[in-house]
């Protein structure tokens, strides 16, 4: 008997939510009605969510959300699930949808201009003069990255304000910011523009969308995701390049582990051979 396919969706929306607790209770019920697992973070500034369910239930959930004005035009990024991406349903309120820690930002007014996946692909084809500023955490970039990437070395997104001085050499350069689904870019470019970055853009709908439209092109490797899959190619392509390397022997691999021997704990890449000697030090990576 053929197994029912699973789908993982990733989406966000910046919108003023007057009563996050009421919103939480309502949307937890909607997700539960469609048997979804995963998480939704709700803040006064909006929502940030990723869920897994059967393909049928995910379609039903999206239809239900589309009936609400707030979600009418939201982009739902889909990738193949395995039925094990999450172990439970979690819908919580937070001060921010994604933590930057610089106070209120008017994302609608101050975020940077968008560059679509197709436009970015053309920029690569024409060999235009630009850099890609990756606003993801450092370990995410180890799994995969764009050509022309600048890695600011963030352990957490909230470290971006402290890194801006180190990035000042980019202020007059054409900069395309990227992140998984675009939510970090929406907030991050507000801050970067405020700090004097003159020619800054963001990849519309994130790396996920580019990988789906242009698999095997100018993004190398795989996409780190915050669920039990840990990484996904989004679209599997023959001969896909593996860019992540074992921290001990530099063998190309994509297995992530948590290193708890230091604080705060860090995520590292380790091959099957090296992990046999270091199981006392490393444990299987968990999403967050």
C-alpha atoms as a PDB file:
ATOM      1  CA  UNK A   1       0.000   0.000   0.000  1.00  0.00           C
ATOM      2  CA  UNK A   2       1.411   3.361  -1.027  1.00  0.00           C
ATOM      3  CA  UNK A   3       2.157   5.687   1.878  1.00  0.00           C
ATOM      4  CA  UNK A   4       0.370   9.012   1.948  1.00  0.00           C
ATOM      5  CA  UNK A   5       2.829  11.828   1.121  1.00  0.00           C
ATOM      6  CA  UNK A   6       3.677  14.474   3.712  1.00  0.00           C
ATOM      7  CA  UNK A   7       4.294  18.161   3.113  1.00  0.00           C
ATOM      8  CA  UNK A   8       6.116  20.766   5.208  1.00  0.00           C
ATOM      9  CA  UNK A   9       5.051  24.401   4.845  1.00  0.00           C
ATOM     10  CA  UNK A  10       6.887  27.520   5.937  1.00  0.00           C
ATOM     11  CA  UNK A  11       5.219  30.933   6.075  1.00  0.00           C
ATOM     12  CA  UNK A  12       5.119  34.257   7.902  1.00  0.00           C
ATOM     13  CA  UNK A  13       3.134  37.461   7.954  1.00  0.00           C
ATOM     14  CA  UNK A  14       3.893  40.864   9.426  1.00  0.00           C
ATOM     15  CA  UNK A  15       0.621  42.376  10.663  1.00  0.00           C
ATOM     16  CA  UNK A  16      -0.505  44.037  13.858  1.00  0.00           C
ATOM     17  CA  UNK A  17      -2.093  41.501  16.208  1.00  0.00           C
ATOM     18  CA  UNK A  18      -3.937  43.246  19.033  1.00  0.00           C
ATOM     19  CA  UNK A  19      -4.620  40.146  21.098  1.00  0.00           C
ATOM     20  CA  UNK A  20      -1.861  37.541  20.524  1.00  0.00           C
ATOM     21  CA  UNK A  21      -3.302  35.162  23.130  1.00  0.00           C
ATOM     22  CA  UNK A  22      -6.725  35.061  21.486  1.00  0.00           C
ATOM     23  CA  UNK A  23      -5.080  34.659  18.086  1.00  0.00           C
ATOM     24  CA  UNK A  24      -2.974  31.800  19.490  1.00  0.00           C
ATOM     25  CA  UNK A  25      -5.959  29.866  20.804  1.00  0.00           C
ATOM     26  CA  UNK A  26      -7.884  30.244  17.559  1.00  0.00           C
ATOM     27  CA  UNK A  27      -5.024  29.198  15.314  1.00  0.00           C
ATOM     28  CA  UNK A  28      -3.938  26.294  17.449  1.00  0.00           C
ATOM     29  CA  UNK A  29      -7.429  24.863  16.982  1.00  0.00           C
ATOM     30  CA  UNK A  30      -7.288  25.375  13.208  1.00  0.00           C
ATOM     31  CA  UNK A  31      -3.929  23.582  12.981  1.00  0.00           C
ATOM     32  CA  UNK A  32      -5.180  20.764  15.238  1.00  0.00           C
ATOM     33  CA  UNK A  33      -8.336  20.363  13.133  1.00  0.00           C
ATOM     34  CA  UNK A  34      -6.077  19.469  10.200  1.00  0.00           C
ATOM     35  CA  UNK A  35      -3.870  17.137  12.279  1.00  0.00           C
ATOM     36  CA  UNK A  36      -0.793  19.310  11.804  1.00  0.00           C
ATOM     37  CA  UNK A  37       2.378  19.203  13.859  1.00  0.00           C
ATOM     38  CA  UNK A  38       4.958  21.951  14.050  1.00  0.00           C
ATOM     39  CA  UNK A  39       5.062  25.424  15.489  1.00  0.00           C
ATOM     40  CA  UNK A  40       3.647  28.895  15.099  1.00  0.00           C
ATOM     41  CA  UNK A  41       5.133  31.877  16.905  1.00  0.00           C
ATOM     42  CA  UNK A  42       2.760  34.792  17.413  1.00  0.00           C
ATOM     43  CA  UNK A  43       3.803  38.319  18.356  1.00  0.00           C
ATOM     44  CA  UNK A  44       2.187  41.753  18.239  1.00  0.00           C
ATOM     45  CA  UNK A  45       4.099  42.258  14.955  1.00  0.00           C
ATOM     46  CA  UNK A  46       2.800  39.106  13.214  1.00  0.00           C
ATOM     47  CA  UNK A  47       3.298  35.347  12.877  1.00  0.00           C
ATOM     48  CA  UNK A  48       6.063  32.935  11.877  1.00  0.00           C
ATOM     49  CA  UNK A  49       5.173  29.281  11.316  1.00  0.00           C
ATOM     50  CA  UNK A  50       6.247  25.929   9.958  1.00  0.00           C
ATOM     51  CA  UNK A  51       3.985  22.871   9.960  1.00  0.00           C
ATOM     52  CA  UNK A  52       3.934  19.329   8.640  1.00  0.00           C
ATOM     53  CA  UNK A  53       0.927  17.248   7.685  1.00  0.00           C
ATOM     54  CA  UNK A  54      -0.321  14.954   4.987  1.00  0.00           C
ATOM     55  CA  UNK A  55      -0.491  16.623   1.585  1.00  0.00           C
ATOM     56  CA  UNK A  56      -4.293  16.525   1.830  1.00  0.00           C
ATOM     57  CA  UNK A  57      -4.403  18.116   5.301  1.00  0.00           C
ATOM     58  CA  UNK A  58      -1.875  20.798   4.348  1.00  0.00           C
ATOM     59  CA  UNK A  59      -3.995  21.775   1.341  1.00  0.00           C
ATOM     60  CA  UNK A  60      -7.051  21.973   3.567  1.00  0.00           C
ATOM     61  CA  UNK A  61      -5.200  24.098   6.124  1.00  0.00           C
ATOM     62  CA  UNK A  62      -3.988  26.521   3.450  1.00  0.00           C
ATOM     63  CA  UNK A  63      -7.526  26.859   2.097  1.00  0.00           C
ATOM     64  CA  UNK A  64      -8.784  27.622   5.618  1.00  0.00           C
ATOM     65  CA  UNK A  65      -6.158  30.330   6.140  1.00  0.00           C
ATOM     66  CA  UNK A  66      -6.778  31.872   2.713  1.00  0.00           C
ATOM     67  CA  UNK A  67     -10.320  32.666   3.854  1.00  0.00           C
ATOM     68  CA  UNK A  68      -8.849  35.087   6.409  1.00  0.00           C
ATOM     69  CA  UNK A  69      -7.907  38.534   5.119  1.00  0.00           C
ATOM     70  CA  UNK A  70      -4.573  38.437   6.929  1.00  0.00           C
ATOM     71  CA  UNK A  71      -3.404  35.339   5.044  1.00  0.00           C
ATOM     72  CA  UNK A  72      -5.009  35.981   1.675  1.00  0.00           C
ATOM     73  CA  UNK A  73      -1.735  36.786  -0.103  1.00  0.00           C
ATOM     74  CA  UNK A  74       0.738  34.890   2.065  1.00  0.00           C
ATOM     75  CA  UNK A  75       3.303  32.735   0.241  1.00  0.00           C
ATOM     76  CA  UNK A  76       3.376  29.178   1.604  1.00  0.00           C
ATOM     77  CA  UNK A  77       6.747  27.554   0.842  1.00  0.00           C
ATOM     78  CA  UNK A  78       6.332  23.802   0.473  1.00  0.00           C
ATOM     79  CA  UNK A  79       8.829  20.964   0.624  1.00  0.00           C
ATOM     80  CA  UNK A  80       8.590  17.201   0.953  1.00  0.00           C
ATOM     81  CA  UNK A  81       8.055  15.930   4.485  1.00  0.00           C
ATOM     82  CA  UNK A  82       8.562  12.507   6.017  1.00  0.00           C
ATOM     83  CA  UNK A  83       5.886  12.424   8.704  1.00  0.00           C
ATOM     84  CA  UNK A  84       8.535  12.924  11.390  1.00  0.00           C
ATOM     85  CA  UNK A  85       9.573  16.557  10.907  1.00  0.00           C
ATOM     86  CA  UNK A  86       7.860  17.462  14.198  1.00  0.00           C
ATOM     87  CA  UNK A  87       6.700  15.451  17.186  1.00  0.00           C
ATOM     88  CA  UNK A  88       3.979  17.799  18.437  1.00  0.00           C
ATOM     89  CA  UNK A  89       1.946  20.928  17.747  1.00  0.00           C
ATOM     90  CA  UNK A  90       3.201  24.104  19.430  1.00  0.00           C
ATOM     91  CA  UNK A  91       1.536  27.512  19.071  1.00  0.00           C
ATOM     92  CA  UNK A  92       3.064  30.163  21.330  1.00  0.00           C
ATOM     93  CA  UNK A  93       3.151  33.904  21.867  1.00  0.00           C
ATOM     94  CA  UNK A  94       6.490  35.722  21.795  1.00  0.00           C
ATOM     95  CA  UNK A  95       7.625  39.373  21.941  1.00  0.00           C
ATOM     96  CA  UNK A  96       8.936  39.063  18.340  1.00  0.00           C
ATOM     97  CA  UNK A  97       8.249  36.692  15.450  1.00  0.00           C
ATOM     98  CA  UNK A  98      12.014  36.399  15.014  1.00  0.00           C
ATOM     99  CA  UNK A  99      14.238  37.974  17.648  1.00  0.00           C
ATOM    100  CA  UNK A 100      16.387  40.964  16.656  1.00  0.00           C
ATOM    101  CA  UNK A 101      16.100  42.969  19.873  1.00  0.00           C
ATOM    102  CA  UNK A 102      16.176  46.535  18.527  1.00  0.00           C
ATOM    103  CA  UNK A 103      12.642  47.584  19.383  1.00  0.00           C
ATOM    104  CA  UNK A 104       9.729  48.158  17.030  1.00  0.00           C
ATOM    105  CA  UNK A 105      10.504  48.206  13.322  1.00  0.00           C
ATOM    106  CA  UNK A 106       8.070  49.422  10.688  1.00  0.00           C
ATOM    107  CA  UNK A 107       8.651  46.530   8.307  1.00  0.00           C
ATOM    108  CA  UNK A 108       5.939  47.562   5.877  1.00  0.00           C
ATOM    109  CA  UNK A 109       7.472  51.025   5.459  1.00  0.00           C
ATOM    110  CA  UNK A 110      11.204  50.464   5.929  1.00  0.00           C
ATOM    111  CA  UNK A 111      12.146  47.008   4.673  1.00  0.00           C
ATOM    112  CA  UNK A 112      14.309  46.943   1.544  1.00  0.00           C
ATOM    113  CA  UNK A 113      13.242  46.389  -2.048  1.00  0.00           C
ATOM    114  CA  UNK A 114      12.689  42.809  -3.176  1.00  0.00           C
ATOM    115  CA  UNK A 115      14.671  40.892  -5.764  1.00  0.00           C
ATOM    116  CA  UNK A 116      12.840  37.821  -7.087  1.00  0.00           C
ATOM    117  CA  UNK A 117      14.508  34.457  -7.561  1.00  0.00           C
ATOM    118  CA  UNK A 118      14.380  34.994 -11.338  1.00  0.00           C
ATOM    119  CA  UNK A 119      15.979  38.438 -11.034  1.00  0.00           C
ATOM    120  CA  UNK A 120      18.767  37.079  -8.832  1.00  0.00           C
ATOM    121  CA  UNK A 121      19.406  34.274 -11.310  1.00  0.00           C
ATOM    122  CA  UNK A 122      19.761  36.850 -14.112  1.00  0.00           C
ATOM    123  CA  UNK A 123      22.189  38.854 -11.981  1.00  0.00           C
ATOM    124  CA  UNK A 124      24.359  35.765 -11.674  1.00  0.00           C
ATOM    125  CA  UNK A 125      24.114  34.996 -15.374  1.00  0.00           C
ATOM    126  CA  UNK A 126      25.193  38.549 -16.229  1.00  0.00           C
ATOM    127  CA  UNK A 127      27.977  38.403 -13.610  1.00  0.00           C
ATOM    128  CA  UNK A 128      26.774  41.659 -12.058  1.00  0.00           C
ATOM    129  CA  UNK A 129      28.745  43.329  -9.295  1.00  0.00           C
ATOM    130  CA  UNK A 130      26.966  42.438  -6.052  1.00  0.00           C
ATOM    131  CA  UNK A 131      27.404  40.423  -2.867  1.00  0.00           C
ATOM    132  CA  UNK A 132      25.014  38.148  -1.026  1.00  0.00           C
ATOM    133  CA  UNK A 133      24.761  38.905   2.687  1.00  0.00           C
ATOM    134  CA  UNK A 134      23.486  35.770   4.411  1.00  0.00           C
ATOM    135  CA  UNK A 135      21.539  36.648   7.564  1.00  0.00           C
ATOM    136  CA  UNK A 136      21.180  33.079   8.767  1.00  0.00           C
ATOM    137  CA  UNK A 137      23.103  31.546  11.641  1.00  0.00           C
ATOM    138  CA  UNK A 138      26.664  30.485  10.856  1.00  0.00           C
ATOM    139  CA  UNK A 139      25.915  26.750  11.097  1.00  0.00           C
ATOM    140  CA  UNK A 140      23.060  27.105   8.593  1.00  0.00           C
ATOM    141  CA  UNK A 141      25.469  28.575   6.058  1.00  0.00           C
ATOM    142  CA  UNK A 142      27.777  25.582   6.483  1.00  0.00           C
ATOM    143  CA  UNK A 143      25.060  23.368   4.972  1.00  0.00           C
ATOM    144  CA  UNK A 144      24.638  25.492   1.867  1.00  0.00           C
ATOM    145  CA  UNK A 145      25.189  28.983   0.503  1.00  0.00           C
ATOM    146  CA  UNK A 146      25.033  31.191  -2.559  1.00  0.00           C
ATOM    147  CA  UNK A 147      28.000  32.076  -4.707  1.00  0.00           C
ATOM    148  CA  UNK A 148      29.326  35.551  -3.748  1.00  0.00           C
ATOM    149  CA  UNK A 149      28.208  35.049  -0.136  1.00  0.00           C
ATOM    150  CA  UNK A 150      29.411  37.189   2.758  1.00  0.00           C
ATOM    151  CA  UNK A 151      29.022  35.285   6.024  1.00  0.00           C
ATOM    152  CA  UNK A 152      28.738  37.754   8.953  1.00  0.00           C
ATOM    153  CA  UNK A 153      29.352  34.946  11.458  1.00  0.00           C
ATOM    154  CA  UNK A 154      26.094  35.133  13.396  1.00  0.00           C
ATOM    155  CA  UNK A 155      25.516  32.547  16.101  1.00  0.00           C
ATOM    156  CA  UNK A 156      21.997  33.966  16.391  1.00  0.00           C
ATOM    157  CA  UNK A 157      20.074  36.518  14.324  1.00  0.00           C
ATOM    158  CA  UNK A 158      19.939  38.823  17.323  1.00  0.00           C
ATOM    159  CA  UNK A 159      23.710  39.343  16.976  1.00  0.00           C
ATOM    160  CA  UNK A 160      23.244  41.326  13.755  1.00  0.00           C
ATOM    161  CA  UNK A 161      23.181  44.781  15.446  1.00  0.00           C
ATOM    162  CA  UNK A 162      26.610  44.094  16.992  1.00  0.00           C
ATOM    163  CA  UNK A 163      28.029  42.950  13.641  1.00  0.00           C
ATOM    164  CA  UNK A 164      27.114  46.035  11.646  1.00  0.00           C
ATOM    165  CA  UNK A 165      30.446  47.805  12.292  1.00  0.00           C
ATOM    166  CA  UNK A 166      32.268  44.837  10.763  1.00  0.00           C
ATOM    167  CA  UNK A 167      30.026  45.074   7.696  1.00  0.00           C
ATOM    168  CA  UNK A 168      30.453  48.800   7.082  1.00  0.00           C
ATOM    169  CA  UNK A 169      32.672  48.123   4.047  1.00  0.00           C
ATOM    170  CA  UNK A 170      29.492  46.961   2.275  1.00  0.00           C
ATOM    171  CA  UNK A 171      27.561  50.200   2.815  1.00  0.00           C
ATOM    172  CA  UNK A 172      28.042  51.461  -0.740  1.00  0.00           C
ATOM    173  CA  UNK A 173      28.046  48.081  -2.457  1.00  0.00           C
ATOM    174  CA  UNK A 174      25.053  46.369  -4.002  1.00  0.00           C
ATOM    175  CA  UNK A 175      23.938  43.913  -1.323  1.00  0.00           C
ATOM    176  CA  UNK A 176      21.324  41.184  -1.641  1.00  0.00           C
ATOM    177  CA  UNK A 177      20.331  39.835   1.773  1.00  0.00           C
ATOM    178  CA  UNK A 178      19.127  36.234   2.001  1.00  0.00           C
ATOM    179  CA  UNK A 179      17.655  33.898   4.601  1.00  0.00           C
ATOM    180  CA  UNK A 180      15.540  30.737   4.586  1.00  0.00           C
ATOM    181  CA  UNK A 181      12.073  32.145   3.933  1.00  0.00           C
ATOM    182  CA  UNK A 182      12.666  35.949   3.977  1.00  0.00           C
ATOM    183  CA  UNK A 183      11.384  36.849   7.453  1.00  0.00           C
ATOM    184  CA  UNK A 184      14.852  37.643   8.839  1.00  0.00           C
ATOM    185  CA  UNK A 185      15.632  39.764   5.774  1.00  0.00           C
ATOM    186  CA  UNK A 186      12.424  41.756   6.224  1.00  0.00           C
ATOM    187  CA  UNK A 187      13.565  42.875   9.682  1.00  0.00           C
ATOM    188  CA  UNK A 188      17.305  42.856   9.082  1.00  0.00           C
ATOM    189  CA  UNK A 189      17.198  45.222   6.129  1.00  0.00           C
ATOM    190  CA  UNK A 190      15.152  47.716   8.144  1.00  0.00           C
ATOM    191  CA  UNK A 191      18.081  47.898  10.557  1.00  0.00           C
ATOM    192  CA  UNK A 192      20.766  47.932   7.850  1.00  0.00           C
ATOM    193  CA  UNK A 193      19.067  50.776   5.990  1.00  0.00           C
ATOM    194  CA  UNK A 194      18.820  52.704   9.233  1.00  0.00           C
ATOM    195  CA  UNK A 195      22.568  52.216   9.711  1.00  0.00           C
ATOM    196  CA  UNK A 196      23.431  53.686   6.316  1.00  0.00           C
ATOM    197  CA  UNK A 197      23.448  50.820   3.825  1.00  0.00           C
ATOM    198  CA  UNK A 198      22.646  52.591   0.552  1.00  0.00           C
ATOM    199  CA  UNK A 199      22.068  49.880  -2.041  1.00  0.00           C
ATOM    200  CA  UNK A 200      20.459  46.985  -0.211  1.00  0.00           C
ATOM    201  CA  UNK A 201      17.883  44.461  -1.413  1.00  0.00           C
ATOM    202  CA  UNK A 202      16.408  41.201  -0.167  1.00  0.00           C
ATOM    203  CA  UNK A 203      15.657  37.908  -1.895  1.00  0.00           C
ATOM    204  CA  UNK A 204      11.871  37.707  -2.155  1.00  0.00           C
ATOM    205  CA  UNK A 205      10.454  34.624  -0.406  1.00  0.00           C
ATOM    206  CA  UNK A 206      13.914  33.459   0.613  1.00  0.00           C
ATOM    207  CA  UNK A 207      16.439  30.799  -0.313  1.00  0.00           C
ATOM    208  CA  UNK A 208      13.738  28.122  -0.222  1.00  0.00           C
ATOM    209  CA  UNK A 209      11.961  29.692  -3.209  1.00  0.00           C
ATOM    210  CA  UNK A 210      15.177  30.169  -5.207  1.00  0.00           C
ATOM    211  CA  UNK A 211      16.170  26.518  -4.664  1.00  0.00           C
ATOM    212  CA  UNK A 212      12.760  25.331  -5.827  1.00  0.00           C
ATOM    213  CA  UNK A 213      12.851  27.431  -9.008  1.00  0.00           C
ATOM    214  CA  UNK A 214      16.548  27.051  -9.820  1.00  0.00           C
ATOM    215  CA  UNK A 215      17.788  23.780  -8.287  1.00  0.00           C
ATOM    216  CA  UNK A 216      21.472  23.089  -8.724  1.00  0.00           C
ATOM    217  CA  UNK A 217      22.265  26.607  -9.938  1.00  0.00           C
ATOM    218  CA  UNK A 218      23.997  29.289  -7.845  1.00  0.00           C
ATOM    219  CA  UNK A 219      23.000  28.012  -4.401  1.00  0.00           C
ATOM    220  CA  UNK A 220      25.395  25.242  -3.442  1.00  0.00           C
ATOM    221  CA  UNK A 221      24.630  22.470  -0.969  1.00  0.00           C
ATOM    222  CA  UNK A 222      21.440  21.977   0.985  1.00  0.00           C
ATOM    223  CA  UNK A 223      19.075  24.066   3.098  1.00  0.00           C
ATOM    224  CA  UNK A 224      19.224  23.905   6.893  1.00  0.00           C
ATOM    225  CA  UNK A 225      15.710  23.776   8.353  1.00  0.00           C
ATOM    226  CA  UNK A 226      14.447  24.005  11.923  1.00  0.00           C
ATOM    227  CA  UNK A 227      12.710  20.655  12.102  1.00  0.00           C
ATOM    228  CA  UNK A 228      13.769  17.041  12.534  1.00  0.00           C
ATOM    229  CA  UNK A 229      14.850  16.733   8.906  1.00  0.00           C
ATOM    230  CA  UNK A 230      17.664  19.205   9.782  1.00  0.00           C
ATOM    231  CA  UNK A 231      18.488  19.706   6.081  1.00  0.00           C
ATOM    232  CA  UNK A 232      16.538  19.445   2.830  1.00  0.00           C
ATOM    233  CA  UNK A 233      17.597  19.873  -0.796  1.00  0.00           C
ATOM    234  CA  UNK A 234      14.068  21.284  -1.427  1.00  0.00           C
ATOM    235  CA  UNK A 235      14.358  19.782  -4.918  1.00  0.00           C
ATOM    236  CA  UNK A 236      16.682  16.795  -5.278  1.00  0.00           C
ATOM    237  CA  UNK A 237      18.998  17.086  -8.291  1.00  0.00           C
ATOM    238  CA  UNK A 238      21.413  14.503  -9.722  1.00  0.00           C
ATOM    239  CA  UNK A 239      25.012  15.112  -8.691  1.00  0.00           C
ATOM    240  CA  UNK A 240      24.092  17.776  -6.147  1.00  0.00           C
ATOM    241  CA  UNK A 241      27.219  19.254  -4.577  1.00  0.00           C
ATOM    242  CA  UNK A 242      27.767  18.681  -0.853  1.00  0.00           C
ATOM    243  CA  UNK A 243      29.545  21.713   0.588  1.00  0.00           C
ATOM    244  CA  UNK A 244      29.308  20.965   4.325  1.00  0.00           C
ATOM    245  CA  UNK A 245      32.438  19.301   5.747  1.00  0.00           C
ATOM    246  CA  UNK A 246      33.209  17.244   8.817  1.00  0.00           C
ATOM    247  CA  UNK A 247      34.663  19.485  11.513  1.00  0.00           C
ATOM    248  CA  UNK A 248      37.335  16.870  12.273  1.00  0.00           C
ATOM    249  CA  UNK A 249      38.480  15.428   8.922  1.00  0.00           C
ATOM    250  CA  UNK A 250      36.895  17.755   6.314  1.00  0.00           C
ATOM    251  CA  UNK A 251      35.048  14.908   4.580  1.00  0.00           C
ATOM    252  CA  UNK A 252      32.021  16.284   2.691  1.00  0.00           C
ATOM    253  CA  UNK A 253      28.887  15.302   4.596  1.00  0.00           C
ATOM    254  CA  UNK A 254      25.599  16.752   5.825  1.00  0.00           C
ATOM    255  CA  UNK A 255      25.124  15.153   9.250  1.00  0.00           C
ATOM    256  CA  UNK A 256      24.690  17.735  12.007  1.00  0.00           C
ATOM    257  CA  UNK A 257      25.292  17.135  15.703  1.00  0.00           C
ATOM    258  CA  UNK A 258      25.043  19.207  18.854  1.00  0.00           C
ATOM    259  CA  UNK A 259      28.370  19.826  20.588  1.00  0.00           C
ATOM    260  CA  UNK A 260      27.546  20.289  24.273  1.00  0.00           C
ATOM    261  CA  UNK A 261      31.173  20.392  25.400  1.00  0.00           C
ATOM    262  CA  UNK A 262      31.084  24.197  25.100  1.00  0.00           C
ATOM    263  CA  UNK A 263      28.522  26.759  26.196  1.00  0.00           C
ATOM    264  CA  UNK A 264      26.432  27.842  24.513  1.00  0.00           C
ATOM    265  CA  UNK A 265      26.103  24.535  22.705  1.00  0.00           C
ATOM    266  CA  UNK A 266      26.892  24.679  18.991  1.00  0.00           C
ATOM    267  CA  UNK A 267      25.835  22.686  15.942  1.00  0.00           C
ATOM    268  CA  UNK A 268      28.656  20.994  14.041  1.00  0.00           C
ATOM    269  CA  UNK A 269      28.990  18.736  11.000  1.00  0.00           C
ATOM    270  CA  UNK A 270      30.542  15.312  11.618  1.00  0.00           C
ATOM    271  CA  UNK A 271      30.962  12.339   9.275  1.00  0.00           C
ATOM    272  CA  UNK A 272      29.942   8.769  10.139  1.00  0.00           C
ATOM    273  CA  UNK A 273      33.541   7.709  10.666  1.00  0.00           C
ATOM    274  CA  UNK A 274      34.446  10.474  13.098  1.00  0.00           C
ATOM    275  CA  UNK A 275      31.221  10.287  15.092  1.00  0.00           C
ATOM    276  CA  UNK A 276      32.082   6.738  16.180  1.00  0.00           C
ATOM    277  CA  UNK A 277      35.012   8.141  18.201  1.00  0.00           C
ATOM    278  CA  UNK A 278      33.136  11.154  19.526  1.00  0.00           C
ATOM    279  CA  UNK A 279      29.712   9.928  20.600  1.00  0.00           C
ATOM    280  CA  UNK A 280      30.608  10.920  24.179  1.00  0.00           C
ATOM    281  CA  UNK A 281      30.982  14.533  22.997  1.00  0.00           C
ATOM    282  CA  UNK A 282      28.338  14.952  20.299  1.00  0.00           C
ATOM    283  CA  UNK A 283      24.640  14.116  20.174  1.00  0.00           C
ATOM    284  CA  UNK A 284      22.229  14.091  17.278  1.00  0.00           C
ATOM    285  CA  UNK A 285      21.188  17.594  16.332  1.00  0.00           C
ATOM    286  CA  UNK A 286      17.788  18.858  17.351  1.00  0.00           C
ATOM    287  CA  UNK A 287      16.033  21.639  15.417  1.00  0.00           C
ATOM    288  CA  UNK A 288      16.303  24.468  17.957  1.00  0.00           C
END
